[in-house]
Every structure is written in structure tokens, then in C-alpha cells.
Amino acid sequence: MTRRYEVVYIFDSALEEPAVSEKLARFHALLGAGVEVAVSHWGKRPLSYRHKRHEAGYYVVAQFEAPASVLPEFERAVKLEEGVLRFLVVLAEAAAPAPAPAPVAAAVPVAAEEEDE
């Protein structure tokens, strides 16, 4: 059974986009041959706090569907990569249901209120 996952990577800001793309291709190859991965490069952004003497990182968000059995090897490979400062894999939730419209309050005629006074 496949599930939908989302992963956020924070790479060393010294890496350029081609180097990051090469690392991502290697990581995503571990997910399997038929797995489609939607990748969004967010670019270089400041970190909210210093991490391993880094003040900025190169952010990438990827979404994919894969069986849970491939995640341990995938996470192990990402952990061992020196260019990755942080990463987080989460189970992507289904689309949130649309909020129900607010109930319409019953309109009270103005004339009825004036008669009570």
C-alpha cells in the first residue's frame, strides 16, 4: 500500500542548485523506479537559528507516493549526506474538507420589534 509523503530538506547554503538537484535525484532513486516526485525549490533562506555554524540554508520541498517499506533506507541515505543540514519526512494528509457555510440567522421583522416596546 502506498501512502503520500512530503519531505522538506535544508541543504548547506554553499551548494548551488545543480549540486542540490543531483543529490535529490540520488535520494529519490531510492524510492523506486515508478515513483513520481514533485519537487519545489524554495531557494536560499535564513535559518530561524544557527545550526552547525550555518545561518542560511537551501530549502527544497518534495512530495511523493511510496510504500512505507522504502522509507528507512531513504532516511538513512539522507542522514548520511553531509550537505543536508536538516530534513523532515511527514505523512501528507488528505485535502482538508471545505468549511461548512455558516447557518443563516432567522430574520426578525423590524416592525415586530417596535410593537413590543
Protein backbone atom coordinates (compact mmCIF):
# COMPACT_ATOMS: atom_id res chain seq x y z
CA MET A 1 0.00 0.00 0.00
CA THR A 2 1.40 3.36 -0.99
CA ARG A 3 0.95 6.49 1.04
CA ARG A 4 1.53 10.14 0.22
CA TYR A 5 4.55 11.72 1.91
CA GLU A 6 6.09 15.17 1.99
CA VAL A 7 9.73 15.82 2.77
CA VAL A 8 11.45 19.13 3.48
CA TYR A 9 15.21 19.29 3.02
CA ILE A 10 17.51 22.05 4.22
CA PHE A 11 20.80 21.83 2.37
CA ASP A 12 24.01 23.71 3.07
CA SER A 13 23.64 27.17 1.51
CA ALA A 14 27.09 26.83 -0.10
CA LEU A 15 25.63 24.25 -2.50
CA GLU A 16 24.32 25.52 -5.82
CA GLU A 17 21.09 24.33 -7.45
CA PRO A 18 22.76 21.79 -9.83
CA ALA A 19 24.52 20.09 -6.90
CA VAL A 20 21.29 20.02 -4.89
CA SER A 21 19.38 18.58 -7.87
CA GLU A 22 21.98 15.83 -8.25
CA LYS A 23 21.65 14.87 -4.58
CA LEU A 24 17.85 14.90 -4.83
CA ALA A 25 17.96 12.60 -7.87
CA ARG A 26 20.10 10.14 -5.91
CA PHE A 27 17.75 10.25 -2.88
CA HIS A 28 14.60 9.88 -4.96
CA ALA A 29 16.05 6.94 -6.91
CA LEU A 30 15.93 5.01 -3.60
CA LEU A 31 12.13 5.36 -3.55
CA GLY A 32 11.69 3.06 -6.54
CA ALA A 33 11.59 3.22 -10.32
CA GLY A 34 7.94 4.20 -10.81
CA VAL A 35 7.67 6.81 -8.07
CA GLU A 36 6.84 10.32 -9.25
CA VAL A 37 8.31 13.06 -7.11
CA ALA A 38 7.05 16.66 -7.23
CA VAL A 39 9.97 18.89 -6.25
CA SER A 40 9.74 22.58 -5.36
CA HIS A 41 12.97 24.53 -4.87
CA TRP A 42 12.42 27.35 -2.39
CA GLY A 43 15.98 28.61 -2.67
CA LYS A 44 18.29 30.12 -0.07
CA ARG A 45 16.61 31.40 3.06
CA PRO A 46 17.84 32.37 6.52
CA LEU A 47 17.51 29.77 9.27
CA SER A 48 15.50 30.75 12.32
CA TYR A 49 18.51 29.86 14.47
CA ARG A 50 22.12 28.86 13.83
CA HIS A 51 22.62 25.20 13.07
CA LYS A 52 26.12 23.72 12.84
CA ARG A 53 27.56 27.24 12.29
CA HIS A 54 25.17 27.88 9.39
CA GLU A 55 22.90 30.90 9.27
CA ALA A 56 21.21 30.12 5.94
CA GLY A 57 20.10 27.05 4.07
CA TYR A 58 18.82 25.96 0.67
CA TYR A 59 15.23 24.75 1.11
CA VAL A 60 13.56 22.08 -1.04
CA VAL A 61 10.10 20.52 -0.60
CA ALA A 62 9.22 17.24 -2.31
CA GLN A 63 6.00 15.22 -2.40
CA PHE A 64 5.75 11.57 -3.43
CA GLU A 65 3.73 8.39 -3.03
CA ALA A 66 5.64 5.29 -1.94
CA PRO A 67 5.28 2.22 0.25
CA ALA A 68 6.39 2.65 3.85
CA SER A 69 8.95 -0.14 3.43
CA VAL A 70 11.28 2.12 1.37
CA LEU A 71 11.42 4.95 3.94
CA PRO A 72 14.06 3.53 6.33
CA GLU A 73 16.70 3.23 3.58
CA PHE A 74 15.69 6.61 2.13
CA GLU A 75 16.01 8.35 5.53
CA ARG A 76 19.33 6.58 6.21
CA ALA A 77 20.79 7.86 2.93
CA VAL A 78 19.64 11.42 3.63
CA LYS A 79 21.08 11.33 7.19
CA LEU A 80 24.47 10.21 5.90
CA GLU A 81 24.70 13.01 3.32
CA GLU A 82 26.97 15.78 4.59
CA GLY A 83 25.30 18.50 2.50
CA VAL A 84 21.94 18.05 4.27
CA LEU A 85 21.62 20.18 7.40
CA ARG A 86 18.09 19.03 8.31
CA PHE A 87 15.22 17.10 6.81
CA LEU A 88 11.76 16.00 7.85
CA VAL A 89 9.53 13.37 6.26
CA VAL A 90 5.84 13.57 7.16
CA LEU A 91 2.75 11.72 6.07
CA ALA A 92 0.81 14.13 3.87
CA GLU A 93 -2.81 14.38 4.92
CA ALA A 94 -5.69 14.25 2.50
CA ALA A 95 -7.13 17.52 1.34
CA ALA A 96 -8.89 19.29 4.16
CA PRO A 97 -12.65 19.37 3.78
CA ALA A 98 -14.14 22.71 2.84
CA PRO A 99 -15.65 24.56 5.81
CA ALA A 100 -19.41 24.34 6.07
CA PRO A 101 -21.23 27.61 5.41
CA ALA A 102 -22.38 29.46 8.49
CA PRO A 103 -26.07 28.99 9.30
CA VAL A 104 -28.25 31.89 8.22
CA ALA A 105 -29.89 33.61 11.19
CA ALA A 106 -33.65 33.96 11.01
CA ALA A 107 -34.57 37.48 10.01
CA VAL A 108 -36.77 39.21 12.57
CA PRO A 109 -39.05 41.83 11.06
CA VAL A 110 -38.28 45.29 12.34
CA ALA A 111 -41.96 46.15 12.74
CA ALA A 112 -42.44 43.29 15.22
CA GLU A 113 -39.68 44.60 17.47
CA GLU A 114 -41.18 48.12 17.56
CA GLU A 115 -44.61 46.82 18.60
CA ASP A 116 -43.15 45.15 21.70
CA GLU A 117 -41.90 48.44 23.08
